[in-house]
Amino acid sequence: MTLAANRTTDGFELVGNMLNVSDNGVEYELTPNTAFTKGDMVVLTYGKVAAAAANATNVLGVIAETFTTSTNPSATTTKGKIYTNPFNIYRCTFAGHTDSTATGGTTTTLLDTALSTSTDNDWRGALLYIYEGTNAGCLRTVTSYTGSSDTLTVTEPFPAACDTTTKYILLGYGAVSGDNVINIGKVGVDLVDANTIDSNATIASEAGPLVVLPTPIEEIKNLMLRVMLRKSLFNTV
């Protein structure tokens, strides 16, 4: 059984501000006849708000209200409040990560022959969370990966040797050494869509709009990360 989120809110939920500044939202004109859900990441397209998509780099902010096509009809101009403060902190569900079970290990390593790459250090720097079995609840950073034996080595020893009961998640796209993993401070993380973080995106170019912040373990085990917007660029095309 894979790790499932137990979340009661959707999208990018505003949970704080680095400078303790309140954000009451700024009104922008919405793309007519378009539904929005509070928490959707949004962009400006032709001067109007639209939902952000995967690979979006022109993120404006997060919509603070829900609209249906009835409350945002095509025949009228409708404005909605957008959270735009660049120091806002959001939490949001992530998807696309590796979810697997160890085939062995030690107190400093986790072996998994099901890992999809055999190149050394492809997972170096990745965030690893064990959610079930031996060492459940442990959150670690991968310091190195040995491709020939599918072995992840971690920063801090586990309480016990990992074994075949150890179920874990691993964040990032393990294909370029150290460049595509996801962890605290990682820049350029992308979106799956307007309300989901892509935890399997190629982020070597740092093109994505998100920066990962320290996240409480209770949120990680519910498949959430805390993030800030890396930049806020308006698309006027």
C-alpha atoms as a PDB file:
ATOM      1  CA  MET A   1       0.000   0.000   0.000  1.00  0.00           C
ATOM      2  CA  THR A   2       1.347   3.415  -0.960  1.00  0.00           C
ATOM      3  CA  LEU A   3       1.305   6.491   1.249  1.00  0.00           C
ATOM      4  CA  ALA A   4      -1.978   8.386   0.848  1.00  0.00           C
ATOM      5  CA  ALA A   5      -2.643  11.996   1.796  1.00  0.00           C
ATOM      6  CA  ASN A   6      -5.134  12.764   4.533  1.00  0.00           C
ATOM      7  CA  ARG A   7      -5.820  16.369   3.683  1.00  0.00           C
ATOM      8  CA  THR A   8      -8.962  18.435   4.122  1.00  0.00           C
ATOM      9  CA  THR A   9      -7.864  21.447   2.045  1.00  0.00           C
ATOM     10  CA  ASP A  10      -6.840  21.681  -1.582  1.00  0.00           C
ATOM     11  CA  GLY A  11      -4.417  23.760  -3.575  1.00  0.00           C
ATOM     12  CA  PHE A  12      -1.893  26.264  -2.266  1.00  0.00           C
ATOM     13  CA  GLU A  13      -2.995  27.084   1.267  1.00  0.00           C
ATOM     14  CA  LEU A  14      -1.636  30.347   2.698  1.00  0.00           C
ATOM     15  CA  VAL A  15      -0.112  29.518   6.092  1.00  0.00           C
ATOM     16  CA  GLY A  16       2.155  32.466   6.841  1.00  0.00           C
ATOM     17  CA  ASN A  17       4.496  35.189   5.667  1.00  0.00           C
ATOM     18  CA  MET A  18       8.261  35.404   6.166  1.00  0.00           C
ATOM     19  CA  LEU A  19       7.902  39.016   7.342  1.00  0.00           C
ATOM     20  CA  ASN A  20       4.649  38.450   9.267  1.00  0.00           C
ATOM     21  CA  VAL A  21       2.816  40.717   6.812  1.00  0.00           C
ATOM     22  CA  SER A  22      -0.870  40.118   6.156  1.00  0.00           C
ATOM     23  CA  ASP A  23      -1.999  39.575   2.572  1.00  0.00           C
ATOM     24  CA  ASN A  24      -5.639  40.467   1.998  1.00  0.00           C
ATOM     25  CA  GLY A  25      -5.391  39.917  -1.728  1.00  0.00           C
ATOM     26  CA  VAL A  26      -5.246  42.267  -4.722  1.00  0.00           C
ATOM     27  CA  GLU A  27      -8.108  42.312  -7.199  1.00  0.00           C
ATOM     28  CA  TYR A  28      -7.423  41.281 -10.800  1.00  0.00           C
ATOM     29  CA  GLU A  29      -9.797  40.697 -13.685  1.00  0.00           C
ATOM     30  CA  LEU A  30     -10.576  37.023 -14.227  1.00  0.00           C
ATOM     31  CA  THR A  31     -10.714  35.223 -17.555  1.00  0.00           C
ATOM     32  CA  PRO A  32     -14.478  35.140 -18.208  1.00  0.00           C
ATOM     33  CA  ASN A  33     -16.511  31.943 -18.030  1.00  0.00           C
ATOM     34  CA  THR A  34     -13.705  30.202 -16.112  1.00  0.00           C
ATOM     35  CA  ALA A  35     -13.982  28.367 -12.809  1.00  0.00           C
ATOM     36  CA  PHE A  36     -11.368  28.895 -10.105  1.00  0.00           C
ATOM     37  CA  THR A  37     -10.936  27.171  -6.756  1.00  0.00           C
ATOM     38  CA  LYS A  38      -9.474  28.997  -3.773  1.00  0.00           C
ATOM     39  CA  GLY A  39      -5.832  27.937  -3.602  1.00  0.00           C
ATOM     40  CA  ASP A  40      -5.244  27.672  -7.356  1.00  0.00           C
ATOM     41  CA  MET A  41      -1.907  29.036  -8.558  1.00  0.00           C
ATOM     42  CA  VAL A  42      -2.636  31.625 -11.245  1.00  0.00           C
ATOM     43  CA  VAL A  43      -0.945  33.550 -14.055  1.00  0.00           C
ATOM     44  CA  LEU A  44      -1.825  36.623 -16.124  1.00  0.00           C
ATOM     45  CA  THR A  45      -2.745  35.933 -19.737  1.00  0.00           C
ATOM     46  CA  TYR A  46      -3.701  38.897 -21.927  1.00  0.00           C
ATOM     47  CA  GLY A  47      -4.124  40.919 -18.753  1.00  0.00           C
ATOM     48  CA  LYS A  48      -6.561  38.479 -17.177  1.00  0.00           C
ATOM     49  CA  VAL A  49      -6.132  35.824 -14.495  1.00  0.00           C
ATOM     50  CA  ALA A  50      -5.920  32.200 -15.656  1.00  0.00           C
ATOM     51  CA  ALA A  51      -5.034  28.958 -13.894  1.00  0.00           C
ATOM     52  CA  ALA A  52      -1.341  28.061 -13.912  1.00  0.00           C
ATOM     53  CA  ALA A  53      -0.303  24.902 -15.742  1.00  0.00           C
ATOM     54  CA  ALA A  54       2.717  22.618 -15.638  1.00  0.00           C
ATOM     55  CA  ASN A  55       5.916  24.440 -16.641  1.00  0.00           C
ATOM     56  CA  ALA A  56       4.429  27.840 -15.767  1.00  0.00           C
ATOM     57  CA  THR A  57       7.134  30.419 -15.050  1.00  0.00           C
ATOM     58  CA  ASN A  58       5.001  33.570 -15.073  1.00  0.00           C
ATOM     59  CA  VAL A  59       3.154  32.934 -11.831  1.00  0.00           C
ATOM     60  CA  LEU A  60       1.201  35.874 -10.423  1.00  0.00           C
ATOM     61  CA  GLY A  61       0.104  34.360  -7.129  1.00  0.00           C
ATOM     62  CA  VAL A  62      -2.674  32.305  -5.574  1.00  0.00           C
ATOM     63  CA  ILE A  63      -6.383  33.011  -5.914  1.00  0.00           C
ATOM     64  CA  ALA A  64      -8.073  33.719  -2.594  1.00  0.00           C
ATOM     65  CA  GLU A  65     -11.657  33.000  -3.648  1.00  0.00           C
ATOM     66  CA  THR A  66     -13.666  30.306  -5.413  1.00  0.00           C
ATOM     67  CA  PHE A  67     -15.563  31.115  -8.606  1.00  0.00           C
ATOM     68  CA  THR A  68     -17.818  29.049 -10.816  1.00  0.00           C
ATOM     69  CA  THR A  69     -18.763  29.827 -14.405  1.00  0.00           C
ATOM     70  CA  SER A  70     -22.004  31.199 -12.955  1.00  0.00           C
ATOM     71  CA  THR A  71     -20.254  33.669 -10.641  1.00  0.00           C
ATOM     72  CA  ASN A  72     -17.700  34.483 -13.354  1.00  0.00           C
ATOM     73  CA  PRO A  73     -19.858  34.576 -16.494  1.00  0.00           C
ATOM     74  CA  SER A  74     -18.730  35.496 -19.983  1.00  0.00           C
ATOM     75  CA  ALA A  75     -21.047  38.488 -20.255  1.00  0.00           C
ATOM     76  CA  THR A  76     -19.546  40.514 -17.383  1.00  0.00           C
ATOM     77  CA  THR A  77     -16.211  41.628 -15.987  1.00  0.00           C
ATOM     78  CA  THR A  78     -15.430  39.784 -12.750  1.00  0.00           C
ATOM     79  CA  LYS A  79     -12.552  40.536 -10.425  1.00  0.00           C
ATOM     80  CA  GLY A  80     -11.067  38.150  -7.885  1.00  0.00           C
ATOM     81  CA  LYS A  81      -8.608  38.603  -5.040  1.00  0.00           C
ATOM     82  CA  ILE A  82      -5.124  37.175  -5.576  1.00  0.00           C
ATOM     83  CA  TYR A  83      -2.466  36.624  -2.905  1.00  0.00           C
ATOM     84  CA  THR A  84       0.645  38.242  -4.409  1.00  0.00           C
ATOM     85  CA  ASN A  85       3.009  39.005  -1.511  1.00  0.00           C
ATOM     86  CA  PRO A  86       6.383  37.489  -2.506  1.00  0.00           C
ATOM     87  CA  PHE A  87       7.107  36.503   1.098  1.00  0.00           C
ATOM     88  CA  ASN A  88       3.970  34.399   1.514  1.00  0.00           C
ATOM     89  CA  ILE A  89       4.366  30.796   2.675  1.00  0.00           C
ATOM     90  CA  TYR A  90       2.043  28.155   1.217  1.00  0.00           C
ATOM     91  CA  ARG A  91       1.563  24.469   1.769  1.00  0.00           C
ATOM     92  CA  CYS A  92       0.374  22.236  -1.013  1.00  0.00           C
ATOM     93  CA  THR A  93       0.053  18.572  -1.959  1.00  0.00           C
ATOM     94  CA  PHE A  94       2.842  17.041  -4.050  1.00  0.00           C
ATOM     95  CA  ALA A  95       2.539  14.144  -6.510  1.00  0.00           C
ATOM     96  CA  GLY A  96       4.703  12.008  -8.780  1.00  0.00           C
ATOM     97  CA  HIS A  97       7.288  11.018  -6.168  1.00  0.00           C
ATOM     98  CA  THR A  98       8.827   7.564  -5.826  1.00  0.00           C
ATOM     99  CA  ASP A  99       6.896   5.375  -3.384  1.00  0.00           C
ATOM    100  CA  SER A 100       8.534   2.015  -2.775  1.00  0.00           C
ATOM    101  CA  THR A 101       9.650  -0.648  -0.291  1.00  0.00           C
ATOM    102  CA  ALA A 102      13.245  -1.355   0.691  1.00  0.00           C
ATOM    103  CA  THR A 103      14.805  -4.694  -0.165  1.00  0.00           C
ATOM    104  CA  GLY A 104      17.385  -4.346   2.596  1.00  0.00           C
ATOM    105  CA  GLY A 105      19.798  -1.913   4.189  1.00  0.00           C
ATOM    106  CA  THR A 106      21.721  -0.933   7.283  1.00  0.00           C
ATOM    107  CA  THR A 107      21.427   1.850   9.845  1.00  0.00           C
ATOM    108  CA  THR A 108      22.926   4.285   7.306  1.00  0.00           C
ATOM    109  CA  THR A 109      21.653   2.855   4.022  1.00  0.00           C
ATOM    110  CA  LEU A 110      18.459   1.830   2.283  1.00  0.00           C
ATOM    111  CA  LEU A 111      18.595  -0.689  -0.571  1.00  0.00           C
ATOM    112  CA  ASP A 112      15.854  -0.917  -3.176  1.00  0.00           C
ATOM    113  CA  THR A 113      16.372  -2.921  -6.353  1.00  0.00           C
ATOM    114  CA  ALA A 114      13.211  -1.352  -7.795  1.00  0.00           C
ATOM    115  CA  LEU A 115      14.799   2.087  -8.165  1.00  0.00           C
ATOM    116  CA  SER A 116      14.629   3.132 -11.784  1.00  0.00           C
ATOM    117  CA  THR A 117      18.197   4.319 -12.312  1.00  0.00           C
ATOM    118  CA  SER A 118      21.597   2.673 -11.998  1.00  0.00           C
ATOM    119  CA  THR A 119      23.759   5.800 -12.276  1.00  0.00           C
ATOM    120  CA  ASP A 120      25.758   6.812  -9.200  1.00  0.00           C
ATOM    121  CA  ASN A 121      24.492   9.801  -7.218  1.00  0.00           C
ATOM    122  CA  ASP A 122      21.271  10.235  -9.192  1.00  0.00           C
ATOM    123  CA  TRP A 123      19.407  10.587  -5.886  1.00  0.00           C
ATOM    124  CA  ARG A 124      22.065  12.593  -4.036  1.00  0.00           C
ATOM    125  CA  GLY A 125      20.432  15.348  -1.981  1.00  0.00           C
ATOM    126  CA  ALA A 126      16.894  13.949  -2.186  1.00  0.00           C
ATOM    127  CA  LEU A 127      14.406  14.067   0.655  1.00  0.00           C
ATOM    128  CA  LEU A 128      13.573  10.567   1.937  1.00  0.00           C
ATOM    129  CA  TYR A 129      10.712   9.819   4.330  1.00  0.00           C
ATOM    130  CA  ILE A 130       9.961   6.372   5.784  1.00  0.00           C
ATOM    131  CA  TYR A 131       6.248   6.028   6.477  1.00  0.00           C
ATOM    132  CA  GLU A 132       5.794   2.383   7.478  1.00  0.00           C
ATOM    133  CA  GLY A 133       7.731  -0.563   8.882  1.00  0.00           C
ATOM    134  CA  THR A 134      11.226  -0.423  10.335  1.00  0.00           C
ATOM    135  CA  ASN A 135      12.315   3.197  10.908  1.00  0.00           C
ATOM    136  CA  ALA A 136       8.823   4.573  10.284  1.00  0.00           C
ATOM    137  CA  GLY A 137       8.704   8.321  10.871  1.00  0.00           C
ATOM    138  CA  CYS A 138      12.332   8.956   9.908  1.00  0.00           C
ATOM    139  CA  LEU A 139      13.053  11.875   7.594  1.00  0.00           C
ATOM    140  CA  ARG A 140      16.508  11.971   6.025  1.00  0.00           C
ATOM    141  CA  THR A 141      18.566  13.527   3.228  1.00  0.00           C
ATOM    142  CA  VAL A 142      20.292  11.191   0.792  1.00  0.00           C
ATOM    143  CA  THR A 143      24.027  11.926   0.724  1.00  0.00           C
ATOM    144  CA  SER A 144      24.944   9.467  -2.025  1.00  0.00           C
ATOM    145  CA  TYR A 145      23.498   6.789  -4.263  1.00  0.00           C
ATOM    146  CA  THR A 146      25.337   3.715  -5.537  1.00  0.00           C
ATOM    147  CA  GLY A 147      23.739   2.652  -8.776  1.00  0.00           C
ATOM    148  CA  SER A 148      25.289  -0.796  -9.034  1.00  0.00           C
ATOM    149  CA  SER A 149      23.637  -1.896  -5.776  1.00  0.00           C
ATOM    150  CA  ASP A 150      20.642   0.512  -5.708  1.00  0.00           C
ATOM    151  CA  THR A 151      21.832   1.835  -2.342  1.00  0.00           C
ATOM    152  CA  LEU A 152      20.795   5.155  -0.810  1.00  0.00           C
ATOM    153  CA  THR A 153      23.102   6.469   1.926  1.00  0.00           C
ATOM    154  CA  VAL A 154      21.670   9.013   4.376  1.00  0.00           C
ATOM    155  CA  THR A 155      22.985  11.893   6.463  1.00  0.00           C
ATOM    156  CA  GLU A 156      22.026  10.619   9.896  1.00  0.00           C
ATOM    157  CA  PRO A 157      21.823   6.968  10.978  1.00  0.00           C
ATOM    158  CA  PHE A 158      18.442   5.289  11.292  1.00  0.00           C
ATOM    159  CA  PRO A 159      17.493   3.797  14.669  1.00  0.00           C
ATOM    160  CA  ALA A 160      17.643   0.308  13.124  1.00  0.00           C
ATOM    161  CA  ALA A 161      18.731  -1.376   9.917  1.00  0.00           C
ATOM    162  CA  CYS A 162      16.263  -0.902   7.057  1.00  0.00           C
ATOM    163  CA  ASP A 163      14.598  -4.124   5.918  1.00  0.00           C
ATOM    164  CA  THR A 164      11.811  -5.418   3.695  1.00  0.00           C
ATOM    165  CA  THR A 165       9.139  -3.832   5.913  1.00  0.00           C
ATOM    166  CA  THR A 166      10.582  -0.348   5.305  1.00  0.00           C
ATOM    167  CA  LYS A 167       8.217   1.646   3.080  1.00  0.00           C
ATOM    168  CA  TYR A 168       9.359   5.082   1.968  1.00  0.00           C
ATOM    169  CA  ILE A 169       8.926   8.005  -0.404  1.00  0.00           C
ATOM    170  CA  LEU A 170      11.710   9.749  -2.298  1.00  0.00           C
ATOM    171  CA  LEU A 171      11.280  13.204  -3.823  1.00  0.00           C
ATOM    172  CA  GLY A 172      12.737  14.267  -7.151  1.00  0.00           C
ATOM    173  CA  TYR A 173      13.548  13.048 -10.623  1.00  0.00           C
ATOM    174  CA  GLY A 174      16.521  10.707 -10.268  1.00  0.00           C
ATOM    175  CA  ALA A 175      18.165  11.176 -13.639  1.00  0.00           C
ATOM    176  CA  VAL A 176      20.851  13.862 -13.261  1.00  0.00           C
ATOM    177  CA  SER A 177      23.268  13.711 -10.343  1.00  0.00           C
ATOM    178  CA  GLY A 178      22.075  15.949  -7.544  1.00  0.00           C
ATOM    179  CA  ASP A 179      20.285  18.389  -9.847  1.00  0.00           C
ATOM    180  CA  ASN A 180      16.758  17.075 -10.008  1.00  0.00           C
ATOM    181  CA  VAL A 181      16.092  15.962  -6.450  1.00  0.00           C
ATOM    182  CA  ILE A 182      13.765  17.859  -4.125  1.00  0.00           C
ATOM    183  CA  ASN A 183      14.662  18.972  -0.625  1.00  0.00           C
ATOM    184  CA  ILE A 184      14.625  22.041   1.611  1.00  0.00           C
ATOM    185  CA  GLY A 185      15.972  25.084  -0.240  1.00  0.00           C
ATOM    186  CA  LYS A 186      15.552  23.548  -3.677  1.00  0.00           C
ATOM    187  CA  VAL A 187      14.802  26.207  -6.282  1.00  0.00           C
ATOM    188  CA  GLY A 188      12.788  25.850  -9.464  1.00  0.00           C
ATOM    189  CA  VAL A 189      10.278  23.190  -8.437  1.00  0.00           C
ATOM    190  CA  ASP A 190       7.427  22.893 -10.930  1.00  0.00           C
ATOM    191  CA  LEU A 191       3.662  22.341 -10.895  1.00  0.00           C
ATOM    192  CA  VAL A 192       1.618  19.351 -11.974  1.00  0.00           C
ATOM    193  CA  ASP A 193      -1.286  21.767 -12.363  1.00  0.00           C
ATOM    194  CA  ALA A 194      -2.748  24.811 -10.598  1.00  0.00           C
ATOM    195  CA  ASN A 195      -3.111  23.031  -7.258  1.00  0.00           C
ATOM    196  CA  THR A 196      -0.406  20.329  -7.113  1.00  0.00           C
ATOM    197  CA  ILE A 197       3.390  20.397  -6.748  1.00  0.00           C
ATOM    198  CA  ASP A 198       5.308  18.169  -9.160  1.00  0.00           C
ATOM    199  CA  SER A 199       7.691  16.100  -7.034  1.00  0.00           C
ATOM    200  CA  ASN A 200       9.014  14.286 -10.099  1.00  0.00           C
ATOM    201  CA  ALA A 201       9.833  17.282 -12.299  1.00  0.00           C
ATOM    202  CA  THR A 202      13.130  17.905 -14.040  1.00  0.00           C
ATOM    203  CA  ILE A 203      14.359  21.011 -12.225  1.00  0.00           C
ATOM    204  CA  ALA A 204      18.006  21.283 -13.299  1.00  0.00           C
ATOM    205  CA  SER A 205      17.210  24.529 -15.151  1.00  0.00           C
ATOM    206  CA  GLU A 206      15.528  26.008 -12.044  1.00  0.00           C
ATOM    207  CA  ALA A 207      12.702  27.186 -14.316  1.00  0.00           C
ATOM    208  CA  GLY A 208       9.846  26.246 -11.995  1.00  0.00           C
ATOM    209  CA  PRO A 209       8.210  28.913  -9.817  1.00  0.00           C
ATOM    210  CA  LEU A 210       8.603  27.335  -6.363  1.00  0.00           C
ATOM    211  CA  VAL A 211      11.208  27.230  -3.596  1.00  0.00           C
ATOM    212  CA  VAL A 212      10.895  24.452  -0.998  1.00  0.00           C
ATOM    213  CA  LEU A 213      10.866  25.529   2.661  1.00  0.00           C
ATOM    214  CA  PRO A 214      11.308  23.514   5.869  1.00  0.00           C
ATOM    215  CA  THR A 215       8.128  21.486   6.236  1.00  0.00           C
ATOM    216  CA  PRO A 216       6.739  19.895   9.423  1.00  0.00           C
ATOM    217  CA  ILE A 217       6.956  16.120   9.250  1.00  0.00           C
ATOM    218  CA  GLU A 218       3.200  15.871   9.872  1.00  0.00           C
ATOM    219  CA  GLU A 219       2.661  17.683   6.589  1.00  0.00           C
ATOM    220  CA  ILE A 220       5.235  15.632   4.675  1.00  0.00           C
ATOM    221  CA  LYS A 221       3.542  12.410   5.723  1.00  0.00           C
ATOM    222  CA  ASN A 222       0.343  13.910   4.314  1.00  0.00           C
ATOM    223  CA  LEU A 223       2.190  14.492   1.020  1.00  0.00           C
ATOM    224  CA  MET A 224       2.545  18.243   1.445  1.00  0.00           C
ATOM    225  CA  LEU A 225       5.439  20.662   1.106  1.00  0.00           C
ATOM    226  CA  ARG A 226       5.777  24.250   2.250  1.00  0.00           C
ATOM    227  CA  VAL A 227       6.873  26.577  -0.522  1.00  0.00           C
ATOM    228  CA  MET A 228       7.323  30.193  -1.563  1.00  0.00           C
ATOM    229  CA  LEU A 229       7.093  31.705  -5.026  1.00  0.00           C
ATOM    230  CA  ARG A 230      10.555  32.034  -6.553  1.00  0.00           C
ATOM    231  CA  LYS A 231       9.461  34.973  -8.641  1.00  0.00           C
ATOM    232  CA  SER A 232       6.312  36.750  -9.754  1.00  0.00           C
ATOM    233  CA  LEU A 233       6.465  37.675 -13.432  1.00  0.00           C
ATOM    234  CA  PHE A 234       3.471  38.975 -15.326  1.00  0.00           C
ATOM    235  CA  ASN A 235       2.760  37.418 -18.697  1.00  0.00           C
ATOM    236  CA  THR A 236       1.311  40.033 -20.998  1.00  0.00           C
ATOM    237  CA  VAL A 237       1.323  37.897 -24.148  1.00  0.00           C
END
